[in-house]
Amino acid sequence: MCTLDTLFANNRAWASQRVAEDADFFTRLARQQSPRYVWIGCSDSRVPANEILGLAPGEVFVHRNIANVVVHSDLNCLSVLQYAVETLKVEHIMVVGHYGCGGVQAVAERRSTGLADNWLRHIEDIANKHEARLEGHGDEDRGRRLVELNVVEQVANVCRTTILRRAWYRGQRVEVHGLVYDLADGLLRRVGVSVSGGQPWDERYHASLQTLK
């Protein structure tokens, strides 16, 4: 029988270590969260936002879904964005893909995954849109390139939300970045160019695509 005893033991050890290092850690954390960053990433268990960034609890606001997709019908993602931008006043929104993403790779290989195929239609649309950029690549390289293209497209989707458009109209300082995490070496890399208020998102989008040539 599988139990959670080990996890509870790990949790107690972690909490004790935190208090030993900083007696007021949980008291301070419970009062408020004041992150400067939003992470929109993949649900993959190998891509833990806080650990990768070297940040403590309370320092990054996280939304995750299969293949780090941002679509305008996803109220979950949009609610996270709105709260982060309008209430927490974050300064940086990071869309983070990762090489070896199972969802993206399934689309690259034109392979069915079952129910998730319905969600991955968003990635399939990107693959169809950029077929010329994917031609001539084997499955693995095609998957890596599609991961990068997906990040560029999702950064554009973030910028197109009414949430970001309103924030920039108000003069709020918030910047959107595209990143890719490499499971092979644990490093983050920029993809494309960042977008902030006063910069036309569509011009930055085309500039980002140019970097992938």
Protein backbone atom coordinates (compact mmCIF):
# COMPACT_ATOMS: atom_id res chain seq x y z
CA MET A 1 0.00 0.00 0.00
CA CYS A 2 1.26 3.46 -0.94
CA THR A 3 1.14 5.99 1.89
CA LEU A 4 2.19 9.59 2.32
CA ASP A 5 4.22 8.95 5.47
CA THR A 6 7.52 9.64 3.74
CA LEU A 7 6.22 12.91 2.33
CA PHE A 8 4.98 14.05 5.74
CA ALA A 9 8.38 13.20 7.22
CA ASN A 10 10.10 15.15 4.46
CA ASN A 11 7.78 18.09 5.09
CA ARG A 12 8.50 18.12 8.83
CA ALA A 13 12.23 18.00 8.16
CA TRP A 14 11.97 20.84 5.63
CA ALA A 15 9.87 23.03 7.96
CA SER A 16 12.26 22.41 10.85
CA GLN A 17 15.24 23.33 8.72
CA ARG A 18 13.57 26.55 7.59
CA VAL A 19 12.84 27.59 11.18
CA ALA A 20 16.37 26.68 12.24
CA GLU A 21 17.77 28.93 9.51
CA ASP A 22 15.25 31.75 10.01
CA ALA A 23 12.95 31.69 13.05
CA ASP A 24 10.51 34.19 11.47
CA PHE A 25 10.37 32.58 8.04
CA PHE A 26 6.80 31.20 8.21
CA THR A 27 5.47 34.15 10.21
CA ARG A 28 6.73 36.51 7.54
CA LEU A 29 5.56 34.30 4.68
CA ALA A 30 2.05 33.99 6.11
CA ARG A 31 1.57 37.76 6.26
CA GLN A 32 1.85 38.35 2.53
CA GLN A 33 3.39 37.28 -0.74
CA SER A 34 5.24 39.87 -2.77
CA PRO A 35 6.77 38.15 -5.80
CA ARG A 36 8.36 40.12 -8.61
CA TYR A 37 8.04 37.25 -11.07
CA VAL A 38 5.39 35.15 -12.77
CA TRP A 39 6.36 31.76 -14.20
CA ILE A 40 4.10 30.26 -16.87
CA GLY A 41 5.56 26.84 -17.44
CA CYS A 42 4.90 23.22 -18.23
CA SER A 43 3.39 20.76 -15.76
CA ASP A 44 6.38 18.44 -16.25
CA SER A 45 7.63 17.22 -12.86
CA ARG A 46 11.24 17.77 -13.93
CA VAL A 47 10.79 21.54 -14.23
CA PRO A 48 10.25 23.00 -10.71
CA ALA A 49 10.12 26.79 -10.99
CA ASN A 50 11.45 27.83 -7.57
CA GLU A 51 14.37 25.39 -7.63
CA ILE A 52 15.45 26.30 -11.14
CA LEU A 53 15.40 30.01 -10.33
CA GLY A 54 16.99 29.58 -6.91
CA LEU A 55 14.11 31.44 -5.27
CA ALA A 56 12.39 30.82 -1.95
CA PRO A 57 8.63 30.33 -1.43
CA GLY A 58 6.83 33.62 -1.93
CA GLU A 59 9.22 34.92 -4.58
CA VAL A 60 7.64 33.55 -7.78
CA PHE A 61 3.95 33.24 -8.73
CA VAL A 62 3.46 30.06 -10.76
CA HIS A 63 1.01 28.81 -13.37
CA ARG A 64 1.65 25.47 -15.08
CA ASN A 65 -0.12 23.47 -17.75
CA ILE A 66 0.83 20.93 -20.40
CA ALA A 67 3.25 22.60 -22.84
CA ASN A 68 3.07 26.07 -21.19
CA VAL A 69 0.18 27.32 -23.30
CA VAL A 70 -1.54 30.71 -22.93
CA VAL A 71 -4.93 30.85 -24.66
CA HIS A 72 -7.61 33.49 -24.33
CA SER A 73 -10.32 30.99 -23.36
CA ASP A 74 -8.34 29.62 -20.39
CA LEU A 75 -9.81 31.41 -17.38
CA ASN A 76 -7.40 29.64 -15.05
CA CYS A 77 -4.34 31.13 -16.76
CA LEU A 78 -5.98 34.53 -17.25
CA SER A 79 -7.00 34.70 -13.59
CA VAL A 80 -3.41 33.99 -12.55
CA LEU A 81 -2.19 36.74 -14.87
CA GLN A 82 -4.74 39.26 -13.67
CA TYR A 83 -4.05 38.65 -9.99
CA ALA A 84 -0.30 38.76 -10.55
CA VAL A 85 -0.36 41.97 -12.58
CA GLU A 86 -3.14 43.93 -10.92
CA THR A 87 -2.87 42.82 -7.29
CA LEU A 88 0.69 41.59 -6.78
CA LYS A 89 2.16 44.14 -9.20
CA VAL A 90 4.75 41.73 -10.59
CA GLU A 91 7.48 43.18 -12.77
CA HIS A 92 8.38 40.20 -14.94
CA ILE A 93 6.29 37.51 -16.65
CA MET A 94 8.29 34.52 -17.89
CA VAL A 95 6.89 32.02 -20.38
CA VAL A 96 9.12 28.98 -19.90
CA GLY A 97 9.22 26.03 -22.26
CA HIS A 98 11.60 23.12 -21.96
CA TYR A 99 13.41 20.85 -24.38
CA GLY A 100 12.11 17.30 -24.18
CA CYS A 101 8.53 18.47 -23.50
CA GLY A 102 6.35 15.39 -24.03
CA GLY A 103 3.37 17.34 -25.34
CA VAL A 104 5.37 19.33 -27.87
CA GLN A 105 7.32 16.25 -28.94
CA ALA A 106 4.09 14.34 -29.54
CA VAL A 107 2.97 17.07 -31.94
CA ALA A 108 6.40 17.15 -33.60
CA GLU A 109 6.15 13.40 -34.22
CA ARG A 110 2.45 13.60 -35.17
CA ARG A 111 1.72 11.11 -32.40
CA SER A 112 -1.54 10.83 -30.45
CA THR A 113 -1.51 11.11 -26.65
CA GLY A 114 -5.22 10.52 -26.02
CA LEU A 115 -7.41 13.13 -24.34
CA ALA A 116 -4.52 15.62 -24.22
CA ASP A 117 -4.64 15.82 -28.02
CA ASN A 118 -7.49 18.30 -27.60
CA TRP A 119 -5.25 20.64 -25.57
CA LEU A 120 -2.28 20.05 -27.85
CA ARG A 121 -4.25 21.30 -30.82
CA HIS A 122 -2.88 24.70 -29.76
CA ILE A 123 0.65 23.38 -30.38
CA GLU A 124 -0.45 21.69 -33.59
CA ASP A 125 -1.73 25.05 -34.85
CA ILE A 126 1.72 26.54 -34.17
CA ALA A 127 3.42 23.66 -35.99
CA ASN A 128 1.17 24.18 -39.01
CA LYS A 129 1.74 27.95 -38.94
CA HIS A 130 5.52 27.52 -38.92
CA GLU A 131 5.82 24.37 -41.05
CA ALA A 132 8.45 26.02 -43.23
CA ARG A 133 10.67 26.57 -40.18
CA LEU A 134 10.28 22.93 -39.14
CA GLU A 135 10.87 21.29 -42.51
CA GLY A 136 14.00 19.23 -42.92
CA HIS A 137 14.45 18.51 -39.22
CA GLY A 138 14.40 15.05 -37.68
CA ASP A 139 11.89 14.36 -34.90
CA GLU A 140 14.20 15.44 -32.05
CA ASP A 141 15.39 18.66 -33.70
CA ARG A 142 11.86 19.37 -34.91
CA GLY A 143 10.68 19.03 -31.31
CA ARG A 144 13.35 21.42 -30.01
CA ARG A 145 12.53 24.02 -32.64
CA LEU A 146 8.80 23.67 -31.94
CA VAL A 147 9.47 24.22 -28.21
CA GLU A 148 11.14 27.53 -29.10
CA LEU A 149 8.41 28.57 -31.53
CA ASN A 150 5.78 27.72 -28.93
CA VAL A 151 7.45 30.02 -26.40
CA VAL A 152 7.52 32.89 -28.91
CA GLU A 153 3.84 32.37 -29.71
CA GLN A 154 2.83 32.19 -26.04
CA VAL A 155 4.76 35.36 -25.22
CA ALA A 156 2.75 37.05 -27.98
CA ASN A 157 -0.46 35.65 -26.48
CA VAL A 158 0.41 37.07 -23.07
CA CYS A 159 1.07 40.47 -24.63
CA ARG A 160 -2.27 40.38 -26.45
CA THR A 161 -4.34 39.81 -23.31
CA THR A 162 -6.52 42.67 -22.11
CA ILE A 163 -4.68 42.30 -18.80
CA LEU A 164 -1.29 43.31 -20.19
CA ARG A 165 -2.73 45.86 -22.58
CA ARG A 166 -4.52 47.62 -19.70
CA ALA A 167 -1.44 47.45 -17.50
CA TRP A 168 0.77 49.02 -20.15
CA TYR A 169 -1.88 51.65 -20.90
CA ARG A 170 -1.77 52.62 -17.20
CA GLY A 171 1.99 52.92 -17.45
CA GLN A 172 2.62 49.89 -15.23
CA ARG A 173 6.15 48.50 -15.48
CA VAL A 174 5.85 44.84 -16.41
CA GLU A 175 7.99 42.96 -18.91
CA VAL A 176 7.30 39.66 -20.70
CA HIS A 177 10.13 37.22 -21.42
CA GLY A 178 10.46 33.95 -23.34
CA LEU A 179 12.74 31.30 -21.87
CA VAL A 180 13.60 27.66 -22.51
CA TYR A 181 14.91 25.27 -19.86
CA ASP A 182 17.26 22.51 -20.94
CA LEU A 183 16.88 19.26 -19.01
CA ALA A 184 20.31 18.18 -20.22
CA ASP A 185 22.25 20.83 -18.30
CA GLY A 186 19.71 22.55 -16.02
CA LEU A 187 20.19 25.95 -17.65
CA LEU A 188 17.69 28.57 -18.77
CA ARG A 189 18.13 30.32 -22.10
CA ARG A 190 16.38 33.34 -23.58
CA VAL A 191 14.18 32.79 -26.61
CA GLY A 192 13.38 35.81 -28.75
CA VAL A 193 13.22 39.31 -27.33
CA SER A 194 11.45 40.65 -24.27
CA VAL A 195 8.42 42.96 -24.48
CA SER A 196 7.55 45.88 -22.23
CA GLY A 197 5.12 48.80 -22.32
CA GLY A 198 5.60 51.24 -25.15
CA GLN A 199 6.91 48.52 -27.48
CA PRO A 200 4.51 47.18 -30.12
CA TRP A 201 4.15 43.49 -29.29
CA ASP A 202 3.78 42.50 -32.96
CA GLU A 203 7.11 44.10 -33.87
CA ARG A 204 8.79 42.29 -30.98
CA TYR A 205 7.07 39.06 -32.05
CA HIS A 206 8.52 39.28 -35.57
CA ALA A 207 11.92 40.21 -34.14
CA SER A 208 11.75 37.09 -31.94
CA LEU A 209 11.00 34.89 -34.94
CA GLN A 210 14.01 36.37 -36.71
CA THR A 211 16.26 35.15 -33.88
CA LEU A 212 15.18 31.55 -34.60
CA LYS A 213 16.41 31.50 -38.19
